[in-house]
Every structure is written in structure tokens, then in C-alpha cells.
């Protein structure tokens, strides 16, 4: 599964073309969507589980997040959302399993809002 062009454009617009880690401004083509709970752990491409980072999964800040997940857990996204760059854990059947209780609440709230809105 990949990020939809609509979600990517929405996240970049909200971030004002600023990387969530280094806070430098980039052209849209140099920005990518990084998931807080990675796809390999069940993390979906959604607004609540994503942030914008420069580079891609191997270069730039996005590459750094992928290569240094433990260090990324200790850093907070610089966009003002207050979410960590990475969270250790996984999402299975809509439930977050991990040590970060605050993020468990974020996942639960986002899933409840999606259900209320008729999403899946």
C-alpha cells in the first residue's frame, strides 16, 4: 500500500513544505510521507500516523528515521503536532500494541473518529 497523492498533498500543505525533523523548507518533490508506526508493523498511511520528512526512505531525514528507529522514538515531530517521529509497537486489528500509552490514545481516538464518520 502506498500513500495516496491526496493525503501526501494535504500533509505537505499542512506542514508548509517544512520537514518534520530538520524544519527546513523543501520543494514538494523532495518531501515524503513517513509513518510513525511503520507499515511493517501495521501502520497505515493516515493523517494521524504520518508526518512529512525530507528525502525518502534511504536519504535525508526520512532515511535517518528509517535507519535510526530507536533514536527517532526520542524525537518529536517539529511541525507542532507533538507526535514522535517513530513509535515502537504495532497496530493489529485497529489496536495499538506498544509501550507508548500516549500514542495508544491517539490511535484509539483516530479509529473512533473514522468509525463515527463512516470510514473503515
PDB file of N, CA and C in Angstrom:
ATOM      1  N   UNK A   1       0.843  -1.167   0.000  1.00  0.00           N
ATOM      2  CA  UNK A   1       0.000   0.000   0.000  1.00  0.00           C
ATOM      3  C   UNK A   1       0.893   1.236   0.000  1.00  0.00           C
ATOM      4  N   UNK A   2       0.528   2.213  -0.772  1.00  0.00           N
ATOM      5  CA  UNK A   2       1.298   3.450  -0.783  1.00  0.00           C
ATOM      6  C   UNK A   2       0.391   4.620  -0.402  1.00  0.00           C
ATOM      7  N   UNK A   3       1.029   5.717  -0.074  1.00  0.00           N
ATOM      8  CA  UNK A   3       0.301   6.917   0.308  1.00  0.00           C
ATOM      9  C   UNK A   3      -0.425   7.482  -0.909  1.00  0.00           C
ATOM     10  N   UNK A   4      -1.648   7.902  -0.723  1.00  0.00           N
ATOM     11  CA  UNK A   4      -2.392   8.483  -1.844  1.00  0.00           C
ATOM     12  C   UNK A   4      -1.833   9.872  -2.157  1.00  0.00           C
ATOM     13  N   UNK A   5      -1.899  10.282  -3.406  1.00  0.00           N
ATOM     14  CA  UNK A   5      -1.440  11.630  -3.757  1.00  0.00           C
ATOM     15  C   UNK A   5      -2.207  12.717  -2.996  1.00  0.00           C
ATOM     16  N   UNK A   6      -3.480  12.472  -2.715  1.00  0.00           N
ATOM     17  CA  UNK A   6      -4.296  13.447  -1.991  1.00  0.00           C
ATOM     18  C   UNK A   6      -3.801  13.624  -0.552  1.00  0.00           C
ATOM     19  N   UNK A   7      -3.523  12.510   0.136  1.00  0.00           N
ATOM     20  CA  UNK A   7      -3.034  12.593   1.510  1.00  0.00           C
ATOM     21  C   UNK A   7      -1.661  13.251   1.540  1.00  0.00           C
ATOM     22  N   UNK A   8      -0.801  12.872   0.620  1.00  0.00           N
ATOM     23  CA  UNK A   8       0.538  13.466   0.553  1.00  0.00           C
ATOM     24  C   UNK A   8       0.447  14.977   0.371  1.00  0.00           C
ATOM     25  N   UNK A   9      -0.387  15.411  -0.562  1.00  0.00           N
ATOM     26  CA  UNK A   9      -0.549  16.852  -0.819  1.00  0.00           C
ATOM     27  C   UNK A   9      -1.109  17.562   0.413  1.00  0.00           C
ATOM     28  N   UNK A  10      -2.068  16.937   1.091  1.00  0.00           N
ATOM     29  CA  UNK A  10      -2.665  17.521   2.293  1.00  0.00           C
ATOM     30  C   UNK A  10      -1.621  17.680   3.396  1.00  0.00           C
ATOM     31  N   UNK A  11      -0.819  16.645   3.622  1.00  0.00           N
ATOM     32  CA  UNK A  11       0.193  16.696   4.674  1.00  0.00           C
ATOM     33  C   UNK A  11       1.273  17.727   4.361  1.00  0.00           C
ATOM     34  N   UNK A  12       1.690  17.807   3.106  1.00  0.00           N
ATOM     35  CA  UNK A  12       2.708  18.790   2.718  1.00  0.00           C
ATOM     36  C   UNK A  12       2.169  20.203   2.879  1.00  0.00           C
ATOM     37  N   UNK A  13       0.911  20.419   2.503  1.00  0.00           N
ATOM     38  CA  UNK A  13       0.306  21.748   2.659  1.00  0.00           C
ATOM     39  C   UNK A  13       0.219  22.128   4.135  1.00  0.00           C
ATOM     40  N   UNK A  14      -0.201  21.196   4.985  1.00  0.00           N
ATOM     41  CA  UNK A  14      -0.289  21.464   6.419  1.00  0.00           C
ATOM     42  C   UNK A  14       1.077  21.781   7.012  1.00  0.00           C
ATOM     43  N   UNK A  15       2.104  21.096   6.521  1.00  0.00           N
ATOM     44  CA  UNK A  15       3.465  21.303   7.020  1.00  0.00           C
ATOM     45  C   UNK A  15       4.131  22.528   6.397  1.00  0.00           C
ATOM     46  N   UNK A  16       3.474  23.120   5.416  1.00  0.00           N
ATOM     47  CA  UNK A  16       4.017  24.293   4.706  1.00  0.00           C
ATOM     48  C   UNK A  16       5.375  23.997   4.086  1.00  0.00           C
ATOM     49  N   UNK A  17       5.499  22.782   3.543  1.00  0.00           N
ATOM     50  CA  UNK A  17       6.718  22.325   2.875  1.00  0.00           C
ATOM     51  C   UNK A  17       7.931  22.253   3.803  1.00  0.00           C
ATOM     52  N   UNK A  18       7.682  22.117   5.103  1.00  0.00           N
ATOM     53  CA  UNK A  18       8.769  22.001   6.068  1.00  0.00           C
ATOM     54  C   UNK A  18       8.924  20.557   6.510  1.00  0.00           C
ATOM     55  N   UNK A  19      10.169  20.112   6.592  1.00  0.00           N
ATOM     56  CA  UNK A  19      10.463  18.770   7.092  1.00  0.00           C
ATOM     57  C   UNK A  19      10.120  18.719   8.573  1.00  0.00           C
ATOM     58  N   UNK A  20       9.481  17.643   9.010  1.00  0.00           N
ATOM     59  CA  UNK A  20       9.098  17.487  10.411  1.00  0.00           C
ATOM     60  C   UNK A  20      10.257  17.232  11.340  1.00  0.00           C
ATOM     61  N   UNK A  21      11.445  16.961  10.793  1.00  0.00           N
ATOM     62  CA  UNK A  21      12.611  16.732  11.655  1.00  0.00           C
ATOM     63  C   UNK A  21      13.558  17.925  11.650  1.00  0.00           C
ATOM     64  N   UNK A  22      14.002  18.362  10.499  1.00  0.00           N
ATOM     65  CA  UNK A  22      15.013  19.425  10.441  1.00  0.00           C
ATOM     66  C   UNK A  22      14.406  20.823  10.274  1.00  0.00           C
ATOM     67  N   UNK A  23      13.103  20.902   9.991  1.00  0.00           N
ATOM     68  CA  UNK A  23      12.358  22.166   9.829  1.00  0.00           C
ATOM     69  C   UNK A  23      12.854  23.015   8.661  1.00  0.00           C
ATOM     70  N   UNK A  24      13.555  22.415   7.727  1.00  0.00           N
ATOM     71  CA  UNK A  24      13.954  23.164   6.537  1.00  0.00           C
ATOM     72  C   UNK A  24      12.849  23.051   5.505  1.00  0.00           C
ATOM     73  N   UNK A  25      12.715  24.086   4.700  1.00  0.00           N
ATOM     74  CA  UNK A  25      11.694  24.126   3.652  1.00  0.00           C
ATOM     75  C   UNK A  25      12.259  23.485   2.388  1.00  0.00           C
ATOM     76  N   UNK A  26      11.441  22.637   1.742  1.00  0.00           N
ATOM     77  CA  UNK A  26      11.843  21.932   0.530  1.00  0.00           C
ATOM     78  C   UNK A  26      10.758  22.053  -0.530  1.00  0.00           C
ATOM     79  N   UNK A  27      11.151  21.876  -1.768  1.00  0.00           N
ATOM     80  CA  UNK A  27      10.156  21.729  -2.827  1.00  0.00           C
ATOM     81  C   UNK A  27       9.427  20.413  -2.589  1.00  0.00           C
ATOM     82  N   UNK A  28       8.214  20.358  -3.059  1.00  0.00           N
ATOM     83  CA  UNK A  28       7.367  19.191  -2.803  1.00  0.00           C
ATOM     84  C   UNK A  28       8.028  17.879  -3.228  1.00  0.00           C
ATOM     85  N   UNK A  29       8.738  17.896  -4.323  1.00  0.00           N
ATOM     86  CA  UNK A  29       9.323  16.639  -4.826  1.00  0.00           C
ATOM     87  C   UNK A  29      10.397  16.063  -3.903  1.00  0.00           C
ATOM     88  N   UNK A  30      10.943  16.873  -2.982  1.00  0.00           N
ATOM     89  CA  UNK A  30      11.978  16.409  -2.061  1.00  0.00           C
ATOM     90  C   UNK A  30      11.408  15.983  -0.714  1.00  0.00           C
ATOM     91  N   UNK A  31      10.091  16.004  -0.586  1.00  0.00           N
ATOM     92  CA  UNK A  31       9.439  15.626   0.669  1.00  0.00           C
ATOM     93  C   UNK A  31       8.717  14.298   0.514  1.00  0.00           C
ATOM     94  N   UNK A  32       8.677  13.529   1.576  1.00  0.00           N
ATOM     95  CA  UNK A  32       7.978  12.249   1.536  1.00  0.00           C
ATOM     96  C   UNK A  32       7.170  12.073   2.819  1.00  0.00           C
ATOM     97  N   UNK A  33       6.287  11.108   2.798  1.00  0.00           N
ATOM     98  CA  UNK A  33       5.434  10.800   3.946  1.00  0.00           C
ATOM     99  C   UNK A  33       6.092   9.669   4.730  1.00  0.00           C
ATOM    100  N   UNK A  34       6.376   9.940   5.989  1.00  0.00           N
ATOM    101  CA  UNK A  34       6.960   8.947   6.879  1.00  0.00           C
ATOM    102  C   UNK A  34       5.892   8.538   7.889  1.00  0.00           C
ATOM    103  N   UNK A  35       5.740   7.235   8.083  1.00  0.00           N
ATOM    104  CA  UNK A  35       4.737   6.755   9.041  1.00  0.00           C
ATOM    105  C   UNK A  35       5.341   6.633  10.437  1.00  0.00           C
ATOM    106  N   UNK A  36       4.570   7.013  11.437  1.00  0.00           N
ATOM    107  CA  UNK A  36       5.014   6.955  12.826  1.00  0.00           C
ATOM    108  C   UNK A  36       5.123   5.495  13.267  1.00  0.00           C
ATOM    109  N   UNK A  37       4.059   4.737  13.080  1.00  0.00           N
ATOM    110  CA  UNK A  37       4.126   3.277  13.221  1.00  0.00           C
ATOM    111  C   UNK A  37       4.338   2.776  11.797  1.00  0.00           C
ATOM    112  N   UNK A  38       5.493   2.169  11.517  1.00  0.00           N
ATOM    113  CA  UNK A  38       5.796   1.793  10.129  1.00  0.00           C
ATOM    114  C   UNK A  38       4.830   0.763   9.546  1.00  0.00           C
ATOM    115  N   UNK A  39       4.798   0.714   8.244  1.00  0.00           N
ATOM    116  CA  UNK A  39       3.920  -0.222   7.545  1.00  0.00           C
ATOM    117  C   UNK A  39       4.194  -1.673   7.917  1.00  0.00           C
ATOM    118  N   UNK A  40       5.467  -1.991   8.163  1.00  0.00           N
ATOM    119  CA  UNK A  40       5.813  -3.369   8.530  1.00  0.00           C
ATOM    120  C   UNK A  40       5.207  -3.777   9.869  1.00  0.00           C
ATOM    121  N   UNK A  41       4.782  -2.789  10.663  1.00  0.00           N
ATOM    122  CA  UNK A  41       4.147  -3.055  11.957  1.00  0.00           C
ATOM    123  C   UNK A  41       2.649  -2.735  11.913  1.00  0.00           C
ATOM    124  N   UNK A  42       2.099  -2.641  10.709  1.00  0.00           N
ATOM    125  CA  UNK A  42       0.663  -2.420  10.558  1.00  0.00           C
ATOM    126  C   UNK A  42       0.242  -0.965  10.525  1.00  0.00           C
ATOM    127  N   UNK A  43       1.196  -0.052  10.504  1.00  0.00           N
ATOM    128  CA  UNK A  43       0.865   1.375  10.493  1.00  0.00           C
ATOM    129  C   UNK A  43       0.332   1.819   9.146  1.00  0.00           C
ATOM    130  N   UNK A  44      -0.860   2.377   9.111  1.00  0.00           N
ATOM    131  CA  UNK A  44      -1.460   2.799   7.842  1.00  0.00           C
ATOM    132  C   UNK A  44      -0.989   4.191   7.415  1.00  0.00           C
ATOM    133  N   UNK A  45      -1.183   4.500   6.158  1.00  0.00           N
ATOM    134  CA  UNK A  45      -0.972   5.858   5.674  1.00  0.00           C
ATOM    135  C   UNK A  45      -2.233   6.644   5.990  1.00  0.00           C
ATOM    136  N   UNK A  46      -2.221   7.344   7.118  1.00  0.00           N
ATOM    137  CA  UNK A  46      -3.318   8.202   7.531  1.00  0.00           C
ATOM    138  C   UNK A  46      -2.716   9.491   8.077  1.00  0.00           C
ATOM    139  N   UNK A  47      -3.530  10.511   8.205  1.00  0.00           N
ATOM    140  CA  UNK A  47      -3.030  11.785   8.736  1.00  0.00           C
ATOM    141  C   UNK A  47      -2.518  11.633  10.163  1.00  0.00           C
ATOM    142  N   UNK A  48      -3.164  10.804  10.978  1.00  0.00           N
ATOM    143  CA  UNK A  48      -2.747  10.660  12.374  1.00  0.00           C
ATOM    144  C   UNK A  48      -1.517   9.785  12.541  1.00  0.00           C
ATOM    145  N   UNK A  49      -1.134   9.034  11.529  1.00  0.00           N
ATOM    146  CA  UNK A  49       0.033   8.149  11.633  1.00  0.00           C
ATOM    147  C   UNK A  49       1.157   8.582  10.699  1.00  0.00           C
ATOM    148  N   UNK A  50       1.110   9.788  10.194  1.00  0.00           N
ATOM    149  CA  UNK A  50       2.101  10.222   9.212  1.00  0.00           C
ATOM    150  C   UNK A  50       2.594  11.628   9.498  1.00  0.00           C
ATOM    151  N   UNK A  51       3.776  11.901   9.011  1.00  0.00           N
ATOM    152  CA  UNK A  51       4.306  13.257   9.008  1.00  0.00           C
ATOM    153  C   UNK A  51       5.209  13.403   7.795  1.00  0.00           C
ATOM    154  N   UNK A  52       5.563  14.624   7.483  1.00  0.00           N
ATOM    155  CA  UNK A  52       6.382  14.919   6.313  1.00  0.00           C
ATOM    156  C   UNK A  52       7.850  14.977   6.718  1.00  0.00           C
ATOM    157  N   UNK A  53       8.701  14.368   5.901  1.00  0.00           N
ATOM    158  CA  UNK A  53      10.150  14.400   6.130  1.00  0.00           C
ATOM    159  C   UNK A  53      10.846  14.623   4.792  1.00  0.00           C
ATOM    160  N   UNK A  54      12.000  15.261   4.849  1.00  0.00           N
ATOM    161  CA  UNK A  54      12.759  15.451   3.611  1.00  0.00           C
ATOM    162  C   UNK A  54      13.426  14.135   3.216  1.00  0.00           C
ATOM    163  N   UNK A  55      13.693  13.995   1.939  1.00  0.00           N
ATOM    164  CA  UNK A  55      14.335  12.788   1.432  1.00  0.00           C
ATOM    165  C   UNK A  55      13.337  11.678   1.169  1.00  0.00           C
ATOM    166  N   UNK A  56      13.843  10.467   1.213  1.00  0.00           N
ATOM    167  CA  UNK A  56      12.988   9.291   1.026  1.00  0.00           C
ATOM    168  C   UNK A  56      13.372   8.280   2.107  1.00  0.00           C
ATOM    169  N   UNK A  57      12.993   7.061   1.962  1.00  0.00           N
ATOM    170  CA  UNK A  57      13.268   6.067   2.997  1.00  0.00           C
ATOM    171  C   UNK A  57      14.730   5.705   3.172  1.00  0.00           C
ATOM    172  N   UNK A  58      15.610   6.209   2.300  1.00  0.00           N
ATOM    173  CA  UNK A  58      17.033   5.903   2.433  1.00  0.00           C
ATOM    174  C   UNK A  58      17.909   7.148   2.553  1.00  0.00           C
ATOM    175  N   UNK A  59      17.379   8.310   2.210  1.00  0.00           N
ATOM    176  CA  UNK A  59      18.174   9.546   2.259  1.00  0.00           C
ATOM    177  C   UNK A  59      17.429  10.618   3.041  1.00  0.00           C
ATOM    178  N   UNK A  60      18.135  11.675   3.425  1.00  0.00           N
ATOM    179  CA  UNK A  60      17.531  12.792   4.129  1.00  0.00           C
ATOM    180  C   UNK A  60      17.021  12.391   5.502  1.00  0.00           C
ATOM    181  N   UNK A  61      16.177  13.217   6.068  1.00  0.00           N
ATOM    182  CA  UNK A  61      15.625  12.922   7.397  1.00  0.00           C
ATOM    183  C   UNK A  61      14.766  11.665   7.387  1.00  0.00           C
ATOM    184  N   UNK A  62      14.031  11.426   6.309  1.00  0.00           N
ATOM    185  CA  UNK A  62      13.233  10.198   6.227  1.00  0.00           C
ATOM    186  C   UNK A  62      14.153   8.978   6.293  1.00  0.00           C
ATOM    187  N   UNK A  63      15.274   9.038   5.584  1.00  0.00           N
ATOM    188  CA  UNK A  63      16.252   7.951   5.645  1.00  0.00           C
ATOM    189  C   UNK A  63      16.827   7.787   7.038  1.00  0.00           C
ATOM    190  N   UNK A  64      17.085   8.917   7.725  1.00  0.00           N
ATOM    191  CA  UNK A  64      17.613   8.858   9.093  1.00  0.00           C
ATOM    192  C   UNK A  64      16.601   8.184  10.016  1.00  0.00           C
ATOM    193  N   UNK A  65      15.323   8.532   9.887  1.00  0.00           N
ATOM    194  CA  UNK A  65      14.282   7.929  10.730  1.00  0.00           C
ATOM    195  C   UNK A  65      14.246   6.415  10.519  1.00  0.00           C
ATOM    196  N   UNK A  66      14.301   5.991   9.266  1.00  0.00           N
ATOM    197  CA  UNK A  66      14.264   4.556   8.959  1.00  0.00           C
ATOM    198  C   UNK A  66      15.498   3.828   9.492  1.00  0.00           C
ATOM    199  N   UNK A  67      16.669   4.468   9.401  1.00  0.00           N
ATOM    200  CA  UNK A  67      17.922   3.831   9.819  1.00  0.00           C
ATOM    201  C   UNK A  67      18.144   3.894  11.331  1.00  0.00           C
ATOM    202  N   UNK A  68      17.465   4.806  12.010  1.00  0.00           N
ATOM    203  CA  UNK A  68      17.675   5.021  13.449  1.00  0.00           C
ATOM    204  C   UNK A  68      16.353   5.038  14.211  1.00  0.00           C
ATOM    205  N   UNK A  69      15.577   3.955  14.166  1.00  0.00           N
ATOM    206  CA  UNK A  69      14.248   3.990  14.787  1.00  0.00           C
ATOM    207  C   UNK A  69      14.269   4.258  16.289  1.00  0.00           C
ATOM    208  N   UNK A  70      15.253   3.731  17.009  1.00  0.00           N
ATOM    209  CA  UNK A  70      15.300   3.962  18.457  1.00  0.00           C
ATOM    210  C   UNK A  70      15.553   5.439  18.761  1.00  0.00           C
ATOM    211  N   UNK A  71      16.455   6.068  18.018  1.00  0.00           N
ATOM    212  CA  UNK A  71      16.725   7.493  18.221  1.00  0.00           C
ATOM    213  C   UNK A  71      15.516   8.323  17.788  1.00  0.00           C
ATOM    214  N   UNK A  72      14.836   7.900  16.718  1.00  0.00           N
ATOM    215  CA  UNK A  72      13.660   8.638  16.229  1.00  0.00           C
ATOM    216  C   UNK A  72      12.523   8.597  17.241  1.00  0.00           C
ATOM    217  N   UNK A  73      12.458   7.545  18.055  1.00  0.00           N
ATOM    218  CA  UNK A  73      11.429   7.463  19.099  1.00  0.00           C
ATOM    219  C   UNK A  73      11.603   8.569  20.135  1.00  0.00           C
ATOM    220  N   UNK A  74      12.831   9.046  20.305  1.00  0.00           N
ATOM    221  CA  UNK A  74      13.110  10.081  21.297  1.00  0.00           C
ATOM    222  C   UNK A  74      12.941  11.491  20.743  1.00  0.00           C
ATOM    223  N   UNK A  75      12.680  11.617  19.452  1.00  0.00           N
ATOM    224  CA  UNK A  75      12.498  12.933  18.842  1.00  0.00           C
ATOM    225  C   UNK A  75      11.027  13.179  18.539  1.00  0.00           C
ATOM    226  N   UNK A  76      10.618  14.422  18.710  1.00  0.00           N
ATOM    227  CA  UNK A  76       9.241  14.820  18.446  1.00  0.00           C
ATOM    228  C   UNK A  76       9.197  15.548  17.108  1.00  0.00           C
ATOM    229  N   UNK A  77       8.156  15.294  16.339  1.00  0.00           N
ATOM    230  CA  UNK A  77       7.970  15.975  15.060  1.00  0.00           C
ATOM    231  C   UNK A  77       7.952  17.481  15.300  1.00  0.00           C
ATOM    232  N   UNK A  78       8.657  18.217  14.480  1.00  0.00           N
ATOM    233  CA  UNK A  78       8.799  19.660  14.659  1.00  0.00           C
ATOM    234  C   UNK A  78       7.673  20.472  14.013  1.00  0.00           C
ATOM    235  N   UNK A  79       6.630  19.800  13.529  1.00  0.00           N
ATOM    236  CA  UNK A  79       5.525  20.518  12.886  1.00  0.00           C
ATOM    237  C   UNK A  79       4.566  21.130  13.900  1.00  0.00           C
ATOM    238  N   UNK A  80       4.707  20.752  15.176  1.00  0.00           N
ATOM    239  CA  UNK A  80       3.823  21.265  16.208  1.00  0.00           C
ATOM    240  C   UNK A  80       2.758  20.276  16.653  1.00  0.00           C
ATOM    241  N   UNK A  81       2.710  19.098  16.028  1.00  0.00           N
ATOM    242  CA  UNK A  81       1.691  18.108  16.387  1.00  0.00           C
ATOM    243  C   UNK A  81       1.996  17.419  17.711  1.00  0.00           C
ATOM    244  N   UNK A  82       3.266  17.425  18.122  1.00  0.00           N
ATOM    245  CA  UNK A  82       3.651  16.806  19.373  1.00  0.00           C
ATOM    246  C   UNK A  82       3.837  15.304  19.310  1.00  0.00           C
ATOM    247  N   UNK A  83       3.662  14.713  18.134  1.00  0.00           N
ATOM    248  CA  UNK A  83       3.810  13.264  17.991  1.00  0.00           C
ATOM    249  C   UNK A  83       5.283  12.895  17.795  1.00  0.00           C
ATOM    250  N   UNK A  84       5.673  11.700  18.219  1.00  0.00           N
ATOM    251  CA  UNK A  84       7.051  11.260  17.994  1.00  0.00           C
ATOM    252  C   UNK A  84       7.283  10.979  16.511  1.00  0.00           C
ATOM    253  N   UNK A  85       8.551  10.988  16.105  1.00  0.00           N
ATOM    254  CA  UNK A  85       8.866  10.654  14.715  1.00  0.00           C
ATOM    255  C   UNK A  85       8.639   9.168  14.445  1.00  0.00           C
ATOM    256  N   UNK A  86       8.833   8.331  15.438  1.00  0.00           N
ATOM    257  CA  UNK A  86       8.657   6.885  15.287  1.00  0.00           C
ATOM    258  C   UNK A  86       8.186   6.340  16.615  1.00  0.00           C
ATOM    259  N   UNK A  87       7.359   5.313  16.603  1.00  0.00           N
ATOM    260  CA  UNK A  87       6.885   4.652  17.815  1.00  0.00           C
ATOM    261  C   UNK A  87       7.127   3.157  17.666  1.00  0.00           C
ATOM    262  N   UNK A  88       7.723   2.566  18.693  1.00  0.00           N
ATOM    263  CA  UNK A  88       7.916   1.120  18.697  1.00  0.00           C
ATOM    264  C   UNK A  88       6.588   0.470  19.074  1.00  0.00           C
ATOM    265  N   UNK A  89       6.169  -0.453  18.291  1.00  0.00           N
ATOM    266  CA  UNK A  89       4.914  -1.136  18.542  1.00  0.00           C
ATOM    267  C   UNK A  89       4.296  -1.536  17.219  1.00  0.00           C
ATOM    268  N   UNK A  90       3.101  -2.033  17.270  1.00  0.00           N
ATOM    269  CA  UNK A  90       2.402  -2.403  16.046  1.00  0.00           C
ATOM    270  C   UNK A  90       0.912  -2.196  16.208  1.00  0.00           C
ATOM    271  N   UNK A  91       0.248  -2.106  15.064  1.00  0.00           N
ATOM    272  CA  UNK A  91      -1.204  -1.972  15.046  1.00  0.00           C
ATOM    273  C   UNK A  91      -1.769  -3.243  14.431  1.00  0.00           C
ATOM    274  N   UNK A  92      -2.600  -3.932  15.214  1.00  0.00           N
ATOM    275  CA  UNK A  92      -3.252  -5.153  14.733  1.00  0.00           C
ATOM    276  C   UNK A  92      -4.740  -5.029  14.980  1.00  0.00           C
ATOM    277  N   UNK A  93      -5.517  -5.211  13.923  1.00  0.00           N
ATOM    278  CA  UNK A  93      -6.980  -5.139  14.020  1.00  0.00           C
ATOM    279  C   UNK A  93      -7.448  -3.866  14.709  1.00  0.00           C
ATOM    280  N   UNK A  94      -6.790  -2.760  14.391  1.00  0.00           N
ATOM    281  CA  UNK A  94      -7.200  -1.471  14.911  1.00  0.00           C
ATOM    282  C   UNK A  94      -6.779  -1.157  16.327  1.00  0.00           C
ATOM    283  N   UNK A  95      -5.921  -1.988  16.924  1.00  0.00           N
ATOM    284  CA  UNK A  95      -5.455  -1.756  18.290  1.00  0.00           C
ATOM    285  C   UNK A  95      -3.946  -1.595  18.272  1.00  0.00           C
ATOM    286  N   UNK A  96      -3.442  -0.563  18.956  1.00  0.00           N
ATOM    287  CA  UNK A  96      -2.010  -0.319  19.052  1.00  0.00           C
ATOM    288  C   UNK A  96      -1.430  -1.121  20.199  1.00  0.00           C
ATOM    289  N   UNK A  97      -0.396  -1.897  19.917  1.00  0.00           N
ATOM    290  CA  UNK A  97       0.322  -2.665  20.937  1.00  0.00           C
ATOM    291  C   UNK A  97       1.736  -2.114  21.019  1.00  0.00           C
ATOM    292  N   UNK A  98       2.045  -1.459  22.120  1.00  0.00           N
ATOM    293  CA  UNK A  98       3.369  -0.892  22.307  1.00  0.00           C
ATOM    294  C   UNK A  98       3.449  -0.215  23.662  1.00  0.00           C
ATOM    295  N   UNK A  99       4.636   0.282  23.976  1.00  0.00           N
ATOM    296  CA  UNK A  99       4.871   0.873  25.289  1.00  0.00           C
ATOM    297  C   UNK A  99       4.408   2.321  25.388  1.00  0.00           C
ATOM    298  N   UNK A 100       4.129   2.965  24.258  1.00  0.00           N
ATOM    299  CA  UNK A 100       3.785   4.389  24.273  1.00  0.00           C
ATOM    300  C   UNK A 100       2.292   4.566  24.513  1.00  0.00           C
ATOM    301  N   UNK A 101       1.915   4.758  25.779  1.00  0.00           N
ATOM    302  CA  UNK A 101       0.500   4.898  26.131  1.00  0.00           C
ATOM    303  C   UNK A 101      -0.146   6.110  25.476  1.00  0.00           C
ATOM    304  N   UNK A 102       0.605   7.191  25.335  1.00  0.00           N
ATOM    305  CA  UNK A 102       0.046   8.388  24.705  1.00  0.00           C
ATOM    306  C   UNK A 102      -0.332   8.093  23.255  1.00  0.00           C
ATOM    307  N   UNK A 103       0.505   7.350  22.555  1.00  0.00           N
ATOM    308  CA  UNK A 103       0.183   7.054  21.164  1.00  0.00           C
ATOM    309  C   UNK A 103      -0.962   6.057  21.065  1.00  0.00           C
ATOM    310  N   UNK A 104      -1.107   5.182  22.050  1.00  0.00           N
ATOM    311  CA  UNK A 104      -2.254   4.260  22.077  1.00  0.00           C
ATOM    312  C   UNK A 104      -3.546   5.067  22.076  1.00  0.00           C
ATOM    313  N   UNK A 105      -3.571   6.172  22.824  1.00  0.00           N
ATOM    314  CA  UNK A 105      -4.744   7.043  22.856  1.00  0.00           C
ATOM    315  C   UNK A 105      -4.985   7.726  21.527  1.00  0.00           C
ATOM    316  N   UNK A 106      -3.910   8.135  20.843  1.00  0.00           N
ATOM    317  CA  UNK A 106      -4.034   8.763  19.520  1.00  0.00           C
ATOM    318  C   UNK A 106      -4.666   7.787  18.538  1.00  0.00           C
ATOM    319  N   UNK A 107      -4.206   6.543  18.546  1.00  0.00           N
ATOM    320  CA  UNK A 107      -4.740   5.529  17.641  1.00  0.00           C
ATOM    321  C   UNK A 107      -6.206   5.256  17.953  1.00  0.00           C
ATOM    322  N   UNK A 108      -6.527   5.082  19.217  1.00  0.00           N
ATOM    323  CA  UNK A 108      -7.915   4.791  19.606  1.00  0.00           C
ATOM    324  C   UNK A 108      -8.846   5.928  19.196  1.00  0.00           C
ATOM    325  N   UNK A 109      -8.429   7.165  19.429  1.00  0.00           N
ATOM    326  CA  UNK A 109      -9.269   8.307  19.074  1.00  0.00           C
ATOM    327  C   UNK A 109      -9.446   8.402  17.562  1.00  0.00           C
ATOM    328  N   UNK A 110      -8.372   8.224  16.810  1.00  0.00           N
ATOM    329  CA  UNK A 110      -8.458   8.321  15.351  1.00  0.00           C
ATOM    330  C   UNK A 110      -9.365   7.234  14.776  1.00  0.00           C
ATOM    331  N   UNK A 111      -9.250   6.026  15.303  1.00  0.00           N
ATOM    332  CA  UNK A 111     -10.101   4.942  14.805  1.00  0.00           C
ATOM    333  C   UNK A 111     -11.565   5.186  15.170  1.00  0.00           C
ATOM    334  N   UNK A 112     -11.825   5.707  16.365  1.00  0.00           N
ATOM    335  CA  UNK A 112     -13.200   6.017  16.761  1.00  0.00           C
ATOM    336  C   UNK A 112     -13.793   7.097  15.873  1.00  0.00           C
ATOM    337  N   UNK A 113     -12.997   8.133  15.552  1.00  0.00           N
ATOM    338  CA  UNK A 113     -13.477   9.191  14.667  1.00  0.00           C
ATOM    339  C   UNK A 113     -13.755   8.665  13.266  1.00  0.00           C
ATOM    340  N   UNK A 114     -12.907   7.748  12.791  1.00  0.00           N
ATOM    341  CA  UNK A 114     -13.126   7.165  11.470  1.00  0.00           C
ATOM    342  C   UNK A 114     -14.417   6.360  11.442  1.00  0.00           C
ATOM    343  N   UNK A 115     -14.680   5.623  12.525  1.00  0.00           N
ATOM    344  CA  UNK A 115     -15.922   4.836  12.587  1.00  0.00           C
ATOM    345  C   UNK A 115     -17.148   5.752  12.651  1.00  0.00           C
ATOM    346  N   UNK A 116     -17.048   6.835  13.426  1.00  0.00           N
ATOM    347  CA  UNK A 116     -18.153   7.790  13.533  1.00  0.00           C
ATOM    348  C   UNK A 116     -18.448   8.446  12.177  1.00  0.00           C
ATOM    349  N   UNK A 117     -17.386   8.649  11.392  1.00  0.00           N
ATOM    350  CA  UNK A 117     -17.547   9.290  10.082  1.00  0.00           C
ATOM    351  C   UNK A 117     -17.960   8.286   8.994  1.00  0.00           C
ATOM    352  N   UNK A 118     -18.085   7.015   9.385  1.00  0.00           N
ATOM    353  CA  UNK A 118     -18.484   6.003   8.423  1.00  0.00           C
ATOM    354  C   UNK A 118     -17.307   5.402   7.668  1.00  0.00           C
ATOM    355  N   UNK A 119     -16.071   5.678   8.141  1.00  0.00           N
ATOM    356  CA  UNK A 119     -14.897   5.107   7.497  1.00  0.00           C
ATOM    357  C   UNK A 119     -14.679   3.685   7.949  1.00  0.00           C
ATOM    358  N   UNK A 120     -13.650   3.077   7.395  1.00  0.00           N
ATOM    359  CA  UNK A 120     -13.373   1.689   7.798  1.00  0.00           C
ATOM    360  C   UNK A 120     -12.059   1.583   8.486  1.00  0.00           C
TER     361      UNK A 120
END
